[in-house]
Amino acid sequence: MAKLALIKREEKRQAVVDKFAAKREALLKTINDQSVSEEERFAARLKLQALPRNSSKHRLHNRCSLTGRPRGVFSKFGLGRNKLRELAMKGEIPGMTKASW
């Protein structure tokens, strides 16, 4: 089990990303728009840099929903490799069976 503080930190980052998503999108749209004057694009870049670092979605990290493990997470299931294997062996994941050939 991961430290609870690390799990809470990820939840906090997700909340900040959700909060600033629309603002970031609008600023990026202005920055990438070639028809806007250079001064306005520069001002938009400064505003974007002034936003909190954790408002960027690239700072998010996938974690296992059961254990909080940061590595080896299958995004399709939201589970770490250990728990995914455990649940698959119990037959609790629909459509997943042990490979045999």
PDB file of N, CA and C in Angstrom:
ATOM      1  N   MET A   1       0.847  -1.181   0.000  1.00  0.00           N
ATOM      2  CA  MET A   1       0.000   0.000   0.000  1.00  0.00           C
ATOM      3  C   MET A   1       0.884   1.232   0.000  1.00  0.00           C
ATOM      4  N   ALA A   2       0.596   2.143  -0.892  1.00  0.00           N
ATOM      5  CA  ALA A   2       1.359   3.389  -0.981  1.00  0.00           C
ATOM      6  C   ALA A   2       0.997   4.296   0.195  1.00  0.00           C
ATOM      7  N   LYS A   3       1.893   5.219   0.477  1.00  0.00           N
ATOM      8  CA  LYS A   3       1.607   6.177   1.544  1.00  0.00           C
ATOM      9  C   LYS A   3       0.357   6.973   1.188  1.00  0.00           C
ATOM     10  N   LEU A   4      -0.452   7.197   2.178  1.00  0.00           N
ATOM     11  CA  LEU A   4      -1.703   7.914   1.959  1.00  0.00           C
ATOM     12  C   LEU A   4      -1.452   9.337   1.478  1.00  0.00           C
ATOM     13  N   ALA A   5      -0.346   9.937   1.940  1.00  0.00           N
ATOM     14  CA  ALA A   5      -0.021  11.309   1.531  1.00  0.00           C
ATOM     15  C   ALA A   5       0.226  11.392   0.025  1.00  0.00           C
ATOM     16  N   LEU A   6       0.852  10.364  -0.547  1.00  0.00           N
ATOM     17  CA  LEU A   6       1.131  10.373  -1.980  1.00  0.00           C
ATOM     18  C   LEU A   6      -0.149  10.207  -2.793  1.00  0.00           C
ATOM     19  N   ILE A   7      -1.052   9.384  -2.285  1.00  0.00           N
ATOM     20  CA  ILE A   7      -2.334   9.198  -2.962  1.00  0.00           C
ATOM     21  C   ILE A   7      -3.134  10.496  -2.923  1.00  0.00           C
ATOM     22  N   LYS A   8      -3.148  11.146  -1.763  1.00  0.00           N
ATOM     23  CA  LYS A   8      -3.874  12.413  -1.615  1.00  0.00           C
ATOM     24  C   LYS A   8      -3.264  13.500  -2.487  1.00  0.00           C
ATOM     25  N   ARG A   9      -1.939  13.486  -2.634  1.00  0.00           N
ATOM     26  CA  ARG A   9      -1.268  14.475  -3.483  1.00  0.00           C
ATOM     27  C   ARG A   9      -1.740  14.347  -4.932  1.00  0.00           C
ATOM     28  N   GLU A  10      -1.862  13.101  -5.405  1.00  0.00           N
ATOM     29  CA  GLU A  10      -2.350  12.877  -6.768  1.00  0.00           C
ATOM     30  C   GLU A  10      -3.793  13.353  -6.924  1.00  0.00           C
ATOM     31  N   GLU A  11      -4.622  13.108  -5.908  1.00  0.00           N
ATOM     32  CA  GLU A  11      -6.008  13.574  -5.962  1.00  0.00           C
ATOM     33  C   GLU A  11      -6.062  15.099  -6.000  1.00  0.00           C
ATOM     34  N   LYS A  12      -5.191  15.729  -5.236  1.00  0.00           N
ATOM     35  CA  LYS A  12      -5.127  17.195  -5.202  1.00  0.00           C
ATOM     36  C   LYS A  12      -4.690  17.741  -6.563  1.00  0.00           C
ATOM     37  N   ARG A  13      -3.694  17.079  -7.170  1.00  0.00           N
ATOM     38  CA  ARG A  13      -3.246  17.493  -8.504  1.00  0.00           C
ATOM     39  C   ARG A  13      -4.364  17.363  -9.516  1.00  0.00           C
ATOM     40  N   GLN A  14      -5.124  16.273  -9.427  1.00  0.00           N
ATOM     41  CA  GLN A  14      -6.232  16.071 -10.361  1.00  0.00           C
ATOM     42  C   GLN A  14      -7.269  17.179 -10.213  1.00  0.00           C
ATOM     43  N   ALA A  15      -7.523  17.596  -8.989  1.00  0.00           N
ATOM     44  CA  ALA A  15      -8.485  18.678  -8.749  1.00  0.00           C
ATOM     45  C   ALA A  15      -7.984  19.993  -9.347  1.00  0.00           C
ATOM     46  N   VAL A  16      -6.686  20.274  -9.221  1.00  0.00           N
ATOM     47  CA  VAL A  16      -6.105  21.505  -9.768  1.00  0.00           C
ATOM     48  C   VAL A  16      -6.152  21.472 -11.293  1.00  0.00           C
ATOM     49  N   VAL A  17      -5.866  20.301 -11.880  1.00  0.00           N
ATOM     50  CA  VAL A  17      -5.926  20.165 -13.349  1.00  0.00           C
ATOM     51  C   VAL A  17      -7.345  20.437 -13.835  1.00  0.00           C
ATOM     52  N   ASP A  18      -8.332  19.867 -13.153  1.00  0.00           N
ATOM     53  CA  ASP A  18      -9.729  20.073 -13.546  1.00  0.00           C
ATOM     54  C   ASP A  18     -10.145  21.539 -13.406  1.00  0.00           C
ATOM     55  N   LYS A  19      -9.641  22.186 -12.351  1.00  0.00           N
ATOM     56  CA  LYS A  19     -10.004  23.575 -12.081  1.00  0.00           C
ATOM     57  C   LYS A  19      -9.495  24.519 -13.173  1.00  0.00           C
ATOM     58  N   PHE A  20      -8.266  24.307 -13.629  1.00  0.00           N
ATOM     59  CA  PHE A  20      -7.639  25.225 -14.580  1.00  0.00           C
ATOM     60  C   PHE A  20      -7.692  24.751 -16.031  1.00  0.00           C
ATOM     61  N   ALA A  21      -8.374  23.649 -16.307  1.00  0.00           N
ATOM     62  CA  ALA A  21      -8.371  23.080 -17.660  1.00  0.00           C
ATOM     63  C   ALA A  21      -8.900  24.060 -18.706  1.00  0.00           C
ATOM     64  N   ALA A  22     -10.026  24.691 -18.434  1.00  0.00           N
ATOM     65  CA  ALA A  22     -10.626  25.605 -19.415  1.00  0.00           C
ATOM     66  C   ALA A  22      -9.739  26.824 -19.643  1.00  0.00           C
ATOM     67  N   LYS A  23      -9.173  27.351 -18.574  1.00  0.00           N
ATOM     68  CA  LYS A  23      -8.303  28.525 -18.680  1.00  0.00           C
ATOM     69  C   LYS A  23      -7.048  28.203 -19.490  1.00  0.00           C
ATOM     70  N   ARG A  24      -6.439  27.046 -19.208  1.00  0.00           N
ATOM     71  CA  ARG A  24      -5.243  26.626 -19.945  1.00  0.00           C
ATOM     72  C   ARG A  24      -5.561  26.446 -21.425  1.00  0.00           C
ATOM     73  N   GLU A  25      -6.706  25.838 -21.703  1.00  0.00           N
ATOM     74  CA  GLU A  25      -7.096  25.593 -23.093  1.00  0.00           C
ATOM     75  C   GLU A  25      -7.278  26.907 -23.854  1.00  0.00           C
ATOM     76  N   ALA A  26      -7.911  27.891 -23.213  1.00  0.00           N
ATOM     77  CA  ALA A  26      -8.129  29.188 -23.854  1.00  0.00           C
ATOM     78  C   ALA A  26      -6.795  29.894 -24.110  1.00  0.00           C
ATOM     79  N   LEU A  27      -5.893  29.846 -23.143  1.00  0.00           N
ATOM     80  CA  LEU A  27      -4.592  30.492 -23.319  1.00  0.00           C
ATOM     81  C   LEU A  27      -3.774  29.806 -24.412  1.00  0.00           C
ATOM     82  N   LEU A  28      -3.797  28.495 -24.442  1.00  0.00           N
ATOM     83  CA  LEU A  28      -3.066  27.769 -25.483  1.00  0.00           C
ATOM     84  C   LEU A  28      -3.636  28.047 -26.867  1.00  0.00           C
ATOM     85  N   LYS A  29      -4.953  28.208 -26.927  1.00  0.00           N
ATOM     86  CA  LYS A  29      -5.594  28.531 -28.202  1.00  0.00           C
ATOM     87  C   LYS A  29      -5.110  29.900 -28.698  1.00  0.00           C
ATOM     88  N   THR A  30      -5.014  30.854 -27.776  1.00  0.00           N
ATOM     89  CA  THR A  30      -4.536  32.193 -28.125  1.00  0.00           C
ATOM     90  C   THR A  30      -3.071  32.150 -28.554  1.00  0.00           C
ATOM     91  N   ILE A  31      -2.273  31.394 -27.834  1.00  0.00           N
ATOM     92  CA  ILE A  31      -0.843  31.308 -28.141  1.00  0.00           C
ATOM     93  C   ILE A  31      -0.610  30.705 -29.520  1.00  0.00           C
ATOM     94  N   ASN A  32      -1.382  29.699 -29.879  1.00  0.00           N
ATOM     95  CA  ASN A  32      -1.181  28.999 -31.151  1.00  0.00           C
ATOM     96  C   ASN A  32      -1.880  29.660 -32.336  1.00  0.00           C
ATOM     97  N   ASP A  33      -2.705  30.675 -32.081  1.00  0.00           N
ATOM     98  CA  ASP A  33      -3.438  31.359 -33.146  1.00  0.00           C
ATOM     99  C   ASP A  33      -2.521  32.379 -33.825  1.00  0.00           C
ATOM    100  N   GLN A  34      -2.187  32.143 -35.076  1.00  0.00           N
ATOM    101  CA  GLN A  34      -1.266  33.015 -35.806  1.00  0.00           C
ATOM    102  C   GLN A  34      -1.899  34.350 -36.200  1.00  0.00           C
ATOM    103  N   SER A  35      -3.231  34.417 -36.204  1.00  0.00           N
ATOM    104  CA  SER A  35      -3.893  35.661 -36.607  1.00  0.00           C
ATOM    105  C   SER A  35      -3.888  36.705 -35.484  1.00  0.00           C
ATOM    106  N   VAL A  36      -3.604  36.293 -34.267  1.00  0.00           N
ATOM    107  CA  VAL A  36      -3.555  37.213 -33.124  1.00  0.00           C
ATOM    108  C   VAL A  36      -2.202  37.919 -33.126  1.00  0.00           C
ATOM    109  N   SER A  37      -2.185  39.173 -32.659  1.00  0.00           N
ATOM    110  CA  SER A  37      -0.931  39.941 -32.663  1.00  0.00           C
ATOM    111  C   SER A  37       0.106  39.300 -31.741  1.00  0.00           C
ATOM    112  N   GLU A  38       1.358  39.617 -32.018  1.00  0.00           N
ATOM    113  CA  GLU A  38       2.478  39.046 -31.266  1.00  0.00           C
ATOM    114  C   GLU A  38       2.437  39.447 -29.788  1.00  0.00           C
ATOM    115  N   GLU A  39       2.010  40.680 -29.520  1.00  0.00           N
ATOM    116  CA  GLU A  39       1.945  41.154 -28.130  1.00  0.00           C
ATOM    117  C   GLU A  39       0.904  40.371 -27.322  1.00  0.00           C
ATOM    118  N   GLU A  40      -0.254  40.122 -27.937  1.00  0.00           N
ATOM    119  CA  GLU A  40      -1.303  39.368 -27.249  1.00  0.00           C
ATOM    120  C   GLU A  40      -0.863  37.928 -26.989  1.00  0.00           C
ATOM    121  N   ARG A  41      -0.177  37.342 -27.963  1.00  0.00           N
ATOM    122  CA  ARG A  41       0.313  35.975 -27.791  1.00  0.00           C
ATOM    123  C   ARG A  41       1.361  35.916 -26.682  1.00  0.00           C
ATOM    124  N   PHE A  42       2.214  36.932 -26.599  1.00  0.00           N
ATOM    125  CA  PHE A  42       3.231  36.983 -25.551  1.00  0.00           C
ATOM    126  C   PHE A  42       2.582  37.151 -24.182  1.00  0.00           C
ATOM    127  N   ALA A  43       1.557  37.995 -24.112  1.00  0.00           N
ATOM    128  CA  ALA A  43       0.837  38.189 -22.851  1.00  0.00           C
ATOM    129  C   ALA A  43       0.148  36.896 -22.416  1.00  0.00           C
ATOM    130  N   ALA A  44      -0.399  36.166 -23.373  1.00  0.00           N
ATOM    131  CA  ALA A  44      -1.040  34.889 -23.063  1.00  0.00           C
ATOM    132  C   ALA A  44      -0.014  33.884 -22.548  1.00  0.00           C
ATOM    133  N   ARG A  45       1.185  33.910 -23.121  1.00  0.00           N
ATOM    134  CA  ARG A  45       2.247  33.007 -22.668  1.00  0.00           C
ATOM    135  C   ARG A  45       2.649  33.328 -21.232  1.00  0.00           C
ATOM    136  N   LEU A  46       2.723  34.621 -20.913  1.00  0.00           N
ATOM    137  CA  LEU A  46       3.056  35.013 -19.541  1.00  0.00           C
ATOM    138  C   LEU A  46       1.973  34.559 -18.557  1.00  0.00           C
ATOM    139  N   LYS A  47       0.715  34.694 -18.967  1.00  0.00           N
ATOM    140  CA  LYS A  47      -0.382  34.252 -18.105  1.00  0.00           C
ATOM    141  C   LYS A  47      -0.344  32.738 -17.907  1.00  0.00           C
ATOM    142  N   LEU A  48      -0.011  32.007 -18.975  1.00  0.00           N
ATOM    143  CA  LEU A  48       0.084  30.560 -18.883  1.00  0.00           C
ATOM    144  C   LEU A  48       1.205  30.146 -17.921  1.00  0.00           C
ATOM    145  N   GLN A  49       2.320  30.859 -17.983  1.00  0.00           N
ATOM    146  CA  GLN A  49       3.444  30.552 -17.095  1.00  0.00           C
ATOM    147  C   GLN A  49       3.130  30.909 -15.647  1.00  0.00           C
ATOM    148  N   ALA A  50       2.188  31.821 -15.442  1.00  0.00           N
ATOM    149  CA  ALA A  50       1.826  32.233 -14.083  1.00  0.00           C
ATOM    150  C   ALA A  50       0.892  31.233 -13.396  1.00  0.00           C
ATOM    151  N   LEU A  51       0.281  30.339 -14.184  1.00  0.00           N
ATOM    152  CA  LEU A  51      -0.604  29.331 -13.598  1.00  0.00           C
ATOM    153  C   LEU A  51       0.226  28.346 -12.757  1.00  0.00           C
ATOM    154  N   PRO A  52      -0.413  27.674 -11.791  1.00  0.00           N
ATOM    155  CA  PRO A  52       0.316  26.701 -10.981  1.00  0.00           C
ATOM    156  C   PRO A  52       0.871  25.556 -11.831  1.00  0.00           C
ATOM    157  N   ARG A  53       2.023  25.053 -11.445  1.00  0.00           N
ATOM    158  CA  ARG A  53       2.626  23.947 -12.188  1.00  0.00           C
ATOM    159  C   ARG A  53       1.741  22.716 -12.188  1.00  0.00           C
ATOM    160  N   ASN A  54       1.086  22.473 -11.078  1.00  0.00           N
ATOM    161  CA  ASN A  54       0.247  21.281 -10.970  1.00  0.00           C
ATOM    162  C   ASN A  54      -1.034  21.373 -11.783  1.00  0.00           C
ATOM    163  N   SER A  55      -1.264  22.490 -12.458  1.00  0.00           N
ATOM    164  CA  SER A  55      -2.447  22.594 -13.300  1.00  0.00           C
ATOM    165  C   SER A  55      -2.216  21.951 -14.665  1.00  0.00           C
ATOM    166  N   SER A  56      -1.002  21.498 -14.925  1.00  0.00           N
ATOM    167  CA  SER A  56      -0.690  20.808 -16.175  1.00  0.00           C
ATOM    168  C   SER A  56      -1.025  19.333 -16.042  1.00  0.00           C
ATOM    169  N   LYS A  57      -1.732  18.791 -17.028  1.00  0.00           N
ATOM    170  CA  LYS A  57      -2.126  17.387 -16.957  1.00  0.00           C
ATOM    171  C   LYS A  57      -0.937  16.443 -17.100  1.00  0.00           C
ATOM    172  N   HIS A  58       0.191  16.949 -17.547  1.00  0.00           N
ATOM    173  CA  HIS A  58       1.377  16.109 -17.704  1.00  0.00           C
ATOM    174  C   HIS A  58       2.024  15.764 -16.372  1.00  0.00           C
ATOM    175  N   ARG A  59       1.644  16.440 -15.325  1.00  0.00           N
ATOM    176  CA  ARG A  59       2.203  16.155 -14.010  1.00  0.00           C
ATOM    177  C   ARG A  59       1.427  15.066 -13.264  1.00  0.00           C
ATOM    178  N   LEU A  60       0.320  14.620 -13.850  1.00  0.00           N
ATOM    179  CA  LEU A  60      -0.464  13.550 -13.239  1.00  0.00           C
ATOM    180  C   LEU A  60       0.228  12.207 -13.452  1.00  0.00           C
ATOM    181  N   HIS A  61       0.007  11.295 -12.533  1.00  0.00           N
ATOM    182  CA  HIS A  61       0.610   9.969 -12.619  1.00  0.00           C
ATOM    183  C   HIS A  61      -0.464   8.943 -12.317  1.00  0.00           C
ATOM    184  N   ASN A  62      -0.572   7.919 -13.148  1.00  0.00           N
ATOM    185  CA  ASN A  62      -1.565   6.872 -12.904  1.00  0.00           C
ATOM    186  C   ASN A  62      -1.188   6.094 -11.656  1.00  0.00           C
ATOM    187  N   ARG A  63      -2.185   5.759 -10.857  1.00  0.00           N
ATOM    188  CA  ARG A  63      -1.980   4.938  -9.670  1.00  0.00           C
ATOM    189  C   ARG A  63      -3.036   3.855  -9.624  1.00  0.00           C
ATOM    190  N   CYS A  64      -2.680   2.736  -9.014  1.00  0.00           N
ATOM    191  CA  CYS A  64      -3.624   1.638  -8.823  1.00  0.00           C
ATOM    192  C   CYS A  64      -4.751   2.127  -7.925  1.00  0.00           C
ATOM    193  N   SER A  65      -5.989   1.842  -8.309  1.00  0.00           N
ATOM    194  CA  SER A  65      -7.125   2.323  -7.534  1.00  0.00           C
ATOM    195  C   SER A  65      -7.285   1.577  -6.212  1.00  0.00           C
ATOM    196  N   LEU A  66      -6.710   0.380  -6.104  1.00  0.00           N
ATOM    197  CA  LEU A  66      -6.829  -0.389  -4.863  1.00  0.00           C
ATOM    198  C   LEU A  66      -5.668  -0.134  -3.905  1.00  0.00           C
ATOM    199  N   THR A  67      -4.453  -0.144  -4.436  1.00  0.00           N
ATOM    200  CA  THR A  67      -3.282  -0.062  -3.561  1.00  0.00           C
ATOM    201  C   THR A  67      -2.569   1.278  -3.618  1.00  0.00           C
ATOM    202  N   GLY A  68      -2.768   2.038  -4.683  1.00  0.00           N
ATOM    203  CA  GLY A  68      -2.073   3.314  -4.832  1.00  0.00           C
ATOM    204  C   GLY A  68      -0.703   3.166  -5.444  1.00  0.00           C
ATOM    205  N   ARG A  69      -0.365   1.979  -5.930  1.00  0.00           N
ATOM    206  CA  ARG A  69       0.951   1.730  -6.515  1.00  0.00           C
ATOM    207  C   ARG A  69       1.138   2.576  -7.767  1.00  0.00           C
ATOM    208  N   PRO A  70       2.291   3.299  -7.877  1.00  0.00           N
ATOM    209  CA  PRO A  70       2.469   4.210  -9.002  1.00  0.00           C
ATOM    210  C   PRO A  70       3.014   3.558 -10.274  1.00  0.00           C
ATOM    211  N   ARG A  71       3.610   2.396 -10.160  1.00  0.00           N
ATOM    212  CA  ARG A  71       4.221   1.765 -11.334  1.00  0.00           C
ATOM    213  C   ARG A  71       3.469   0.504 -11.721  1.00  0.00           C
ATOM    214  N   GLY A  72       3.560   0.160 -12.982  1.00  0.00           N
ATOM    215  CA  GLY A  72       2.928  -1.066 -13.449  1.00  0.00           C
ATOM    216  C   GLY A  72       1.414  -1.003 -13.418  1.00  0.00           C
ATOM    217  N   VAL A  73       0.860   0.151 -13.768  1.00  0.00           N
ATOM    218  CA  VAL A  73      -0.592   0.332 -13.729  1.00  0.00           C
ATOM    219  C   VAL A  73      -1.153   0.174 -15.142  1.00  0.00           C
ATOM    220  N   PHE A  74      -2.146  -0.680 -15.287  1.00  0.00           N
ATOM    221  CA  PHE A  74      -2.837  -0.850 -16.559  1.00  0.00           C
ATOM    222  C   PHE A  74      -3.959   0.175 -16.603  1.00  0.00           C
ATOM    223  N   SER A  75      -3.853   1.143 -17.490  1.00  0.00           N
ATOM    224  CA  SER A  75      -4.821   2.240 -17.516  1.00  0.00           C
ATOM    225  C   SER A  75      -6.217   1.771 -17.913  1.00  0.00           C
ATOM    226  N   LYS A  76      -6.298   0.702 -18.685  1.00  0.00           N
ATOM    227  CA  LYS A  76      -7.605   0.184 -19.102  1.00  0.00           C
ATOM    228  C   LYS A  76      -8.428  -0.267 -17.895  1.00  0.00           C
ATOM    229  N   PHE A  77      -7.749  -0.815 -16.900  1.00  0.00           N
ATOM    230  CA  PHE A  77      -8.436  -1.330 -15.715  1.00  0.00           C
ATOM    231  C   PHE A  77      -8.272  -0.420 -14.502  1.00  0.00           C
ATOM    232  N   GLY A  78      -7.251   0.430 -14.502  1.00  0.00           N
ATOM    233  CA  GLY A  78      -6.983   1.285 -13.354  1.00  0.00           C
ATOM    234  C   GLY A  78      -6.403   0.510 -12.187  1.00  0.00           C
ATOM    235  N   LEU A  79      -5.786  -0.632 -12.493  1.00  0.00           N
ATOM    236  CA  LEU A  79      -5.225  -1.497 -11.469  1.00  0.00           C
ATOM    237  C   LEU A  79      -3.744  -1.741 -11.722  1.00  0.00           C
ATOM    238  N   GLY A  80      -3.013  -1.956 -10.640  1.00  0.00           N
ATOM    239  CA  GLY A  80      -1.616  -2.338 -10.755  1.00  0.00           C
ATOM    240  C   GLY A  80      -1.515  -3.770 -11.254  1.00  0.00           C
ATOM    241  N   ARG A  81      -0.340  -4.135 -11.757  1.00  0.00           N
ATOM    242  CA  ARG A  81      -0.164  -5.464 -12.344  1.00  0.00           C
ATOM    243  C   ARG A  81      -0.426  -6.579 -11.335  1.00  0.00           C
ATOM    244  N   ASN A  82      -0.041  -6.368 -10.080  1.00  0.00           N
ATOM    245  CA  ASN A  82      -0.241  -7.394  -9.051  1.00  0.00           C
ATOM    246  C   ASN A  82      -1.720  -7.643  -8.796  1.00  0.00           C
ATOM    247  N   LYS A  83      -2.457  -6.563  -8.573  1.00  0.00           N
ATOM    248  CA  LYS A  83      -3.892  -6.691  -8.275  1.00  0.00           C
ATOM    249  C   LYS A  83      -4.659  -7.174  -9.498  1.00  0.00           C
ATOM    250  N   LEU A  84      -4.229  -6.767 -10.685  1.00  0.00           N
ATOM    251  CA  LEU A  84      -4.891  -7.215 -11.904  1.00  0.00           C
ATOM    252  C   LEU A  84      -4.760  -8.734 -12.029  1.00  0.00           C
ATOM    253  N   ARG A  85      -3.574  -9.240 -11.781  1.00  0.00           N
ATOM    254  CA  ARG A  85      -3.343 -10.685 -11.857  1.00  0.00           C
ATOM    255  C   ARG A  85      -4.148 -11.420 -10.792  1.00  0.00           C
ATOM    256  N   GLU A  86      -4.155 -10.857  -9.599  1.00  0.00           N
ATOM    257  CA  GLU A  86      -4.887 -11.456  -8.484  1.00  0.00           C
ATOM    258  C   GLU A  86      -6.377 -11.588  -8.809  1.00  0.00           C
ATOM    259  N   LEU A  87      -6.964 -10.478  -9.285  1.00  0.00           N
ATOM    260  CA  LEU A  87      -8.395 -10.476  -9.599  1.00  0.00           C
ATOM    261  C   LEU A  87      -8.706 -11.340 -10.815  1.00  0.00           C
ATOM    262  N   ALA A  88      -7.784 -11.384 -11.780  1.00  0.00           N
ATOM    263  CA  ALA A  88      -8.000 -12.206 -12.972  1.00  0.00           C
ATOM    264  C   ALA A  88      -7.989 -13.685 -12.605  1.00  0.00           C
ATOM    265  N   MET A  89      -7.105 -14.077 -11.691  1.00  0.00           N
ATOM    266  CA  MET A  89      -7.042 -15.478 -11.269  1.00  0.00           C
ATOM    267  C   MET A  89      -8.288 -15.893 -10.502  1.00  0.00           C
ATOM    268  N   LYS A  90      -8.897 -14.941  -9.796  1.00  0.00           N
ATOM    269  CA  LYS A  90     -10.137 -15.238  -9.073  1.00  0.00           C
ATOM    270  C   LYS A  90     -11.338 -15.246 -10.012  1.00  0.00           C
ATOM    271  N   GLY A  91     -11.152 -14.721 -11.237  1.00  0.00           N
ATOM    272  CA  GLY A  91     -12.244 -14.657 -12.205  1.00  0.00           C
ATOM    273  C   GLY A  91     -13.160 -13.481 -11.989  1.00  0.00           C
ATOM    274  N   GLU A  92     -12.662 -12.427 -11.355  1.00  0.00           N
ATOM    275  CA  GLU A  92     -13.486 -11.262 -11.051  1.00  0.00           C
ATOM    276  C   GLU A  92     -13.443 -10.177 -12.125  1.00  0.00           C
ATOM    277  N   ILE A  93     -12.623 -10.378 -13.150  1.00  0.00           N
ATOM    278  CA  ILE A  93     -12.562  -9.436 -14.270  1.00  0.00           C
ATOM    279  C   ILE A  93     -13.218 -10.102 -15.465  1.00  0.00           C
ATOM    280  N   PRO A  94     -14.350  -9.565 -15.927  1.00  0.00           N
ATOM    281  CA  PRO A  94     -15.082 -10.204 -17.022  1.00  0.00           C
ATOM    282  C   PRO A  94     -14.256 -10.276 -18.307  1.00  0.00           C
ATOM    283  N   GLY A  95     -14.277 -11.432 -18.927  1.00  0.00           N
ATOM    284  CA  GLY A  95     -13.602 -11.623 -20.211  1.00  0.00           C
ATOM    285  C   GLY A  95     -12.128 -11.901 -20.124  1.00  0.00           C
ATOM    286  N   MET A  96     -11.541 -11.864 -18.938  1.00  0.00           N
ATOM    287  CA  MET A  96     -10.111 -12.106 -18.807  1.00  0.00           C
ATOM    288  C   MET A  96      -9.893 -13.526 -18.293  1.00  0.00           C
ATOM    289  N   THR A  97      -9.121 -14.297 -19.050  1.00  0.00           N
ATOM    290  CA  THR A  97      -8.795 -15.659 -18.655  1.00  0.00           C
ATOM    291  C   THR A  97      -7.301 -15.854 -18.723  1.00  0.00           C
ATOM    292  N   LYS A  98      -6.832 -16.871 -18.047  1.00  0.00           N
ATOM    293  CA  LYS A  98      -5.411 -17.210 -18.072  1.00  0.00           C
ATOM    294  C   LYS A  98      -5.071 -17.753 -19.448  1.00  0.00           C
ATOM    295  N   ALA A  99      -3.945 -17.331 -19.967  1.00  0.00           N
ATOM    296  CA  ALA A  99      -3.537 -17.767 -21.304  1.00  0.00           C
ATOM    297  C   ALA A  99      -3.177 -19.239 -21.286  1.00  0.00           C
ATOM    298  N   SER A 100      -3.595 -19.949 -22.323  1.00  0.00           N
ATOM    299  CA  SER A 100      -3.201 -21.352 -22.471  1.00  0.00           C
ATOM    300  C   SER A 100      -3.128 -21.659 -23.951  1.00  0.00           C
ATOM    301  N   TRP A 101      -2.035 -22.271 -24.374  1.00  0.00           N
ATOM    302  CA  TRP A 101      -1.881 -22.631 -25.785  1.00  0.00           C
ATOM    303  C   TRP A 101      -1.095 -23.886 -25.940  1.00  0.00           C
TER     304      TRP A 101
END
